């Protein structure tokens, strides 16, 4: 279900045939070290905003979300999926705690 929703959230990119004018700070015009520095600065800013908004997302999750959005995933769809996953996680946790049994994790091996 979530894989389908993520696929639906991906914005299809079609070539318009119009040449794109790029700003000097656009990632495609920077060298690798400049890109890395810009990415660190951006992630730091995203982390600060996330903390201010009390999203509960750690830096790794923020990095993954940022990369998904950069890849074309619709931000609102991604946020909806995260909310749904949290709700399901809470429901499973509540069910396990009310039954008094610990959750068993299945190995994918």
N, C-alpha and C. Protein backbone atom coordinates (compact mmCIF):
# COMPACT_ATOMS: atom_id res chain seq x y z
N UNK A 1 0.83 -1.19 0.00
CA UNK A 1 0.00 0.00 0.00
C UNK A 1 0.87 1.25 0.00
N UNK A 2 1.88 1.30 0.91
CA UNK A 2 2.70 2.51 1.00
C UNK A 2 3.61 2.66 -0.20
N UNK A 3 4.08 1.54 -0.76
CA UNK A 3 4.92 1.65 -1.95
C UNK A 3 4.12 2.25 -3.10
N UNK A 4 2.86 1.84 -3.22
CA UNK A 4 2.01 2.39 -4.27
C UNK A 4 1.79 3.88 -4.04
N UNK A 5 1.54 4.26 -2.78
CA UNK A 5 1.30 5.66 -2.47
C UNK A 5 2.52 6.51 -2.71
N UNK A 6 3.70 5.96 -2.40
CA UNK A 6 4.93 6.71 -2.66
C UNK A 6 5.11 6.88 -4.16
N UNK A 7 4.87 5.80 -4.91
CA UNK A 7 4.98 5.90 -6.37
C UNK A 7 4.02 6.95 -6.92
N UNK A 8 2.79 6.99 -6.39
CA UNK A 8 1.83 7.97 -6.84
C UNK A 8 2.25 9.38 -6.46
N UNK A 9 3.00 9.51 -5.37
CA UNK A 9 3.42 10.82 -4.91
C UNK A 9 4.58 11.38 -5.72
N UNK A 10 5.28 10.52 -6.45
CA UNK A 10 6.41 10.98 -7.24
C UNK A 10 5.89 11.82 -8.40
N UNK A 11 6.45 12.98 -8.51
CA UNK A 11 6.05 13.89 -9.57
C UNK A 11 6.75 13.47 -10.84
N UNK A 12 5.98 13.27 -11.91
CA UNK A 12 6.61 12.90 -13.16
C UNK A 12 7.24 14.14 -13.78
N UNK A 13 8.47 13.97 -14.21
CA UNK A 13 9.17 15.09 -14.82
C UNK A 13 9.23 14.88 -16.32
N UNK A 14 8.73 15.83 -17.04
CA UNK A 14 8.73 15.74 -18.49
C UNK A 14 9.55 16.90 -19.04
N UNK A 15 10.28 16.61 -20.08
CA UNK A 15 11.10 17.65 -20.70
C UNK A 15 10.20 18.61 -21.47
N UNK A 16 10.40 19.89 -21.23
CA UNK A 16 9.60 20.91 -21.91
C UNK A 16 10.28 21.39 -23.17
N UNK A 17 11.53 21.03 -23.36
CA UNK A 17 12.25 21.47 -24.53
C UNK A 17 12.79 22.89 -24.38
N UNK A 18 12.52 23.54 -23.26
CA UNK A 18 13.00 24.88 -23.01
C UNK A 18 14.32 24.79 -22.27
N UNK A 19 15.32 25.53 -22.76
CA UNK A 19 16.61 25.49 -22.09
C UNK A 19 16.52 26.18 -20.74
N UNK A 20 17.06 25.53 -19.74
CA UNK A 20 16.98 26.04 -18.37
C UNK A 20 18.18 26.93 -18.07
N UNK A 21 17.93 28.10 -17.49
CA UNK A 21 19.01 28.99 -17.07
C UNK A 21 19.26 28.70 -15.60
N UNK A 22 20.51 28.41 -15.26
CA UNK A 22 20.82 28.00 -13.90
C UNK A 22 21.58 29.10 -13.16
N UNK A 23 21.17 29.31 -11.93
CA UNK A 23 21.83 30.28 -11.05
C UNK A 23 23.18 29.71 -10.65
N UNK A 24 24.20 30.56 -10.41
CA UNK A 24 25.52 30.05 -10.02
C UNK A 24 25.51 29.17 -8.77
N UNK A 25 24.52 29.32 -7.89
CA UNK A 25 24.48 28.48 -6.69
C UNK A 25 23.65 27.21 -6.92
N UNK A 26 23.16 27.00 -8.15
CA UNK A 26 22.42 25.77 -8.46
C UNK A 26 23.37 24.58 -8.33
N UNK A 27 22.91 23.47 -7.74
CA UNK A 27 23.79 22.31 -7.51
C UNK A 27 24.53 21.81 -8.74
N UNK A 28 23.94 21.93 -9.92
CA UNK A 28 24.60 21.40 -11.11
C UNK A 28 25.81 22.23 -11.53
N UNK A 29 25.93 23.46 -11.01
CA UNK A 29 27.06 24.31 -11.36
C UNK A 29 28.14 24.33 -10.30
N UNK A 30 27.96 23.58 -9.20
CA UNK A 30 28.93 23.57 -8.10
C UNK A 30 29.81 22.33 -8.17
N UNK A 31 31.01 22.44 -7.59
CA UNK A 31 31.86 21.25 -7.50
C UNK A 31 31.40 20.42 -6.30
N UNK A 32 32.00 19.26 -6.14
CA UNK A 32 31.56 18.31 -5.12
C UNK A 32 31.65 18.86 -3.70
N UNK A 33 32.74 19.53 -3.36
CA UNK A 33 32.87 20.05 -2.00
C UNK A 33 31.86 21.16 -1.73
N UNK A 34 31.58 22.00 -2.74
CA UNK A 34 30.57 23.05 -2.56
C UNK A 34 29.19 22.43 -2.37
N UNK A 35 28.90 21.37 -3.13
CA UNK A 35 27.61 20.68 -2.99
C UNK A 35 27.48 20.09 -1.60
N UNK A 36 28.55 19.46 -1.11
CA UNK A 36 28.51 18.85 0.22
C UNK A 36 28.29 19.91 1.30
N UNK A 37 28.97 21.04 1.17
CA UNK A 37 28.80 22.12 2.14
C UNK A 37 27.37 22.66 2.10
N UNK A 38 26.84 22.89 0.90
CA UNK A 38 25.46 23.39 0.77
C UNK A 38 24.47 22.38 1.35
N UNK A 39 24.72 21.10 1.11
CA UNK A 39 23.83 20.06 1.63
C UNK A 39 23.86 20.03 3.16
N UNK A 40 25.05 20.15 3.75
CA UNK A 40 25.15 20.19 5.21
C UNK A 40 24.42 21.40 5.79
N UNK A 41 24.61 22.55 5.14
CA UNK A 41 23.93 23.76 5.61
C UNK A 41 22.41 23.61 5.51
N UNK A 42 21.94 23.03 4.41
CA UNK A 42 20.51 22.83 4.21
C UNK A 42 19.95 21.87 5.25
N UNK A 43 20.67 20.77 5.51
CA UNK A 43 20.20 19.80 6.49
C UNK A 43 20.19 20.38 7.90
N UNK A 44 21.16 21.22 8.22
CA UNK A 44 21.18 21.89 9.51
C UNK A 44 19.96 22.79 9.67
N UNK A 45 19.66 23.54 8.63
CA UNK A 45 18.49 24.42 8.65
C UNK A 45 17.20 23.61 8.77
N UNK A 46 17.09 22.54 8.00
CA UNK A 46 15.90 21.68 8.07
C UNK A 46 15.77 21.08 9.46
N UNK A 47 16.88 20.68 10.06
CA UNK A 47 16.87 20.11 11.41
C UNK A 47 16.39 21.14 12.43
N UNK A 48 16.86 22.37 12.31
CA UNK A 48 16.44 23.42 13.23
C UNK A 48 14.94 23.69 13.11
N UNK A 49 14.44 23.77 11.89
CA UNK A 49 13.01 24.00 11.67
C UNK A 49 12.21 22.82 12.22
N UNK A 50 12.70 21.61 11.97
CA UNK A 50 12.03 20.41 12.47
C UNK A 50 11.94 20.42 13.99
N UNK A 51 13.02 20.83 14.64
CA UNK A 51 13.01 20.91 16.11
C UNK A 51 12.05 21.98 16.60
N UNK A 52 12.02 23.13 15.92
CA UNK A 52 11.10 24.20 16.30
C UNK A 52 9.64 23.74 16.17
N UNK A 53 9.36 22.96 15.14
CA UNK A 53 8.00 22.48 14.90
C UNK A 53 7.69 21.20 15.66
N UNK A 54 8.69 20.67 16.37
CA UNK A 54 8.53 19.45 17.16
C UNK A 54 7.95 18.31 16.32
N UNK A 55 8.60 18.03 15.17
CA UNK A 55 8.12 16.99 14.27
C UNK A 55 8.41 15.59 14.78
N UNK A 56 9.44 15.47 15.63
CA UNK A 56 9.80 14.14 16.13
C UNK A 56 10.65 13.35 15.15
N UNK A 57 11.10 13.98 14.07
CA UNK A 57 11.94 13.30 13.10
C UNK A 57 13.41 13.50 13.47
N UNK A 58 14.18 12.41 13.43
CA UNK A 58 15.61 12.53 13.69
C UNK A 58 16.32 12.99 12.41
N UNK A 59 17.61 13.27 12.53
CA UNK A 59 18.36 13.79 11.38
C UNK A 59 18.39 12.80 10.21
N UNK A 60 18.49 11.52 10.51
CA UNK A 60 18.50 10.52 9.43
C UNK A 60 17.18 10.53 8.68
N UNK A 61 16.07 10.60 9.41
CA UNK A 61 14.75 10.64 8.78
C UNK A 61 14.58 11.91 7.95
N UNK A 62 15.06 13.03 8.49
CA UNK A 62 14.99 14.29 7.75
C UNK A 62 15.80 14.21 6.46
N UNK A 63 16.97 13.60 6.55
CA UNK A 63 17.81 13.44 5.36
C UNK A 63 17.07 12.61 4.30
N UNK A 64 16.47 11.51 4.73
CA UNK A 64 15.75 10.64 3.79
C UNK A 64 14.57 11.39 3.18
N UNK A 65 13.82 12.11 4.00
CA UNK A 65 12.68 12.88 3.49
C UNK A 65 13.14 13.94 2.49
N UNK A 66 14.23 14.62 2.82
CA UNK A 66 14.76 15.65 1.92
C UNK A 66 15.17 15.05 0.60
N UNK A 67 15.83 13.91 0.63
CA UNK A 67 16.25 13.25 -0.62
C UNK A 67 15.04 12.80 -1.43
N UNK A 68 14.00 12.30 -0.77
CA UNK A 68 12.79 11.89 -1.48
C UNK A 68 12.14 13.09 -2.17
N UNK A 69 12.08 14.21 -1.47
CA UNK A 69 11.47 15.42 -2.04
C UNK A 69 12.32 15.91 -3.21
N UNK A 70 13.64 15.89 -3.06
CA UNK A 70 14.53 16.28 -4.16
C UNK A 70 14.34 15.37 -5.37
N UNK A 71 13.99 14.10 -5.12
CA UNK A 71 13.79 13.14 -6.20
C UNK A 71 12.41 13.28 -6.85
N UNK A 72 11.56 14.15 -6.28
CA UNK A 72 10.28 14.40 -6.91
C UNK A 72 9.06 13.94 -6.15
N UNK A 73 9.24 13.41 -4.95
CA UNK A 73 8.09 12.99 -4.15
C UNK A 73 7.36 14.24 -3.67
N UNK A 74 6.05 14.21 -3.77
CA UNK A 74 5.24 15.35 -3.35
C UNK A 74 5.32 15.48 -1.83
N UNK A 75 5.73 16.64 -1.31
CA UNK A 75 5.94 16.81 0.14
C UNK A 75 4.70 16.52 0.99
N UNK A 76 3.53 16.95 0.54
CA UNK A 76 2.31 16.72 1.32
C UNK A 76 1.96 15.24 1.36
N UNK A 77 2.20 14.54 0.27
CA UNK A 77 1.95 13.09 0.25
C UNK A 77 2.91 12.37 1.18
N UNK A 78 4.15 12.81 1.18
CA UNK A 78 5.15 12.21 2.08
C UNK A 78 4.75 12.44 3.54
N UNK A 79 4.31 13.66 3.85
CA UNK A 79 3.88 13.97 5.22
C UNK A 79 2.68 13.10 5.62
N UNK A 80 1.76 12.89 4.69
CA UNK A 80 0.59 12.05 4.98
C UNK A 80 1.01 10.61 5.26
N UNK A 81 1.95 10.10 4.49
CA UNK A 81 2.44 8.74 4.68
C UNK A 81 3.10 8.61 6.05
N UNK A 82 3.91 9.61 6.43
CA UNK A 82 4.57 9.59 7.74
C UNK A 82 3.54 9.60 8.86
N UNK A 83 2.51 10.44 8.74
CA UNK A 83 1.45 10.48 9.76
C UNK A 83 0.74 9.13 9.86
N UNK A 84 0.45 8.51 8.70
CA UNK A 84 -0.23 7.21 8.69
C UNK A 84 0.64 6.14 9.34
N UNK A 85 1.93 6.15 9.02
CA UNK A 85 2.84 5.15 9.61
C UNK A 85 2.93 5.33 11.12
N UNK A 86 2.98 6.57 11.58
CA UNK A 86 3.02 6.83 13.02
C UNK A 86 1.74 6.35 13.70
N UNK A 87 0.59 6.60 13.08
CA UNK A 87 -0.68 6.17 13.65
C UNK A 87 -0.73 4.64 13.74
N UNK A 88 -0.29 3.96 12.68
CA UNK A 88 -0.28 2.50 12.70
C UNK A 88 0.69 1.97 13.75
N UNK A 89 1.84 2.61 13.87
CA UNK A 89 2.83 2.21 14.87
C UNK A 89 2.26 2.35 16.28
N UNK A 90 1.58 3.47 16.52
CA UNK A 90 0.97 3.69 17.83
C UNK A 90 -0.11 2.65 18.11
N UNK A 91 -0.90 2.32 17.10
CA UNK A 91 -1.97 1.34 17.27
C UNK A 91 -1.39 -0.03 17.61
N UNK A 92 -0.32 -0.40 16.93
CA UNK A 92 0.33 -1.69 17.20
C UNK A 92 0.92 -1.69 18.61
N UNK A 93 1.57 -0.59 18.99
CA UNK A 93 2.16 -0.49 20.33
C UNK A 93 1.09 -0.57 21.40
N UNK A 94 -0.01 0.15 21.19
CA UNK A 94 -1.10 0.13 22.16
C UNK A 94 -1.72 -1.26 22.28
N UNK A 95 -1.88 -1.94 21.16
CA UNK A 95 -2.44 -3.28 21.16
C UNK A 95 -1.52 -4.24 21.92
N UNK A 96 -0.22 -4.11 21.70
CA UNK A 96 0.75 -4.98 22.37
C UNK A 96 0.78 -4.70 23.87
N UNK A 97 0.72 -3.43 24.25
CA UNK A 97 0.78 -3.11 25.67
C UNK A 97 -0.51 -3.52 26.39
N UNK A 98 -1.63 -3.46 25.70
CA UNK A 98 -2.87 -3.86 26.35
C UNK A 98 -2.99 -5.38 26.48
N UNK A 99 -2.30 -6.11 25.59
CA UNK A 99 -2.35 -7.58 25.68
C UNK A 99 -1.31 -8.11 26.67
N UNK A 100 -0.37 -7.25 27.04
CA UNK A 100 0.66 -7.66 27.99
C UNK A 100 1.76 -8.49 27.39
N UNK A 101 1.71 -8.70 26.08
CA UNK A 101 2.74 -9.47 25.40
C UNK A 101 3.67 -8.53 24.64
N UNK A 102 4.96 -8.82 24.65
CA UNK A 102 5.89 -7.99 23.88
C UNK A 102 5.69 -8.22 22.38
N UNK A 103 6.03 -7.23 21.61
CA UNK A 103 5.94 -7.36 20.15
C UNK A 103 7.01 -8.31 19.67
N UNK A 104 6.65 -9.15 18.73
CA UNK A 104 7.67 -10.01 18.12
C UNK A 104 8.00 -9.42 16.77
N UNK A 105 9.28 -9.36 16.47
CA UNK A 105 9.73 -8.83 15.20
C UNK A 105 10.13 -9.98 14.33
N UNK A 106 9.57 -10.00 13.15
CA UNK A 106 9.89 -11.08 12.22
C UNK A 106 11.12 -10.72 11.42
N UNK A 107 11.98 -11.69 11.26
CA UNK A 107 13.18 -11.48 10.45
C UNK A 107 12.83 -11.69 9.00
N UNK A 108 13.44 -10.88 8.13
CA UNK A 108 13.17 -11.02 6.70
C UNK A 108 14.11 -12.03 6.04
N UNK A 109 14.90 -12.70 6.83
CA UNK A 109 15.84 -13.68 6.29
C UNK A 109 15.19 -15.02 6.12
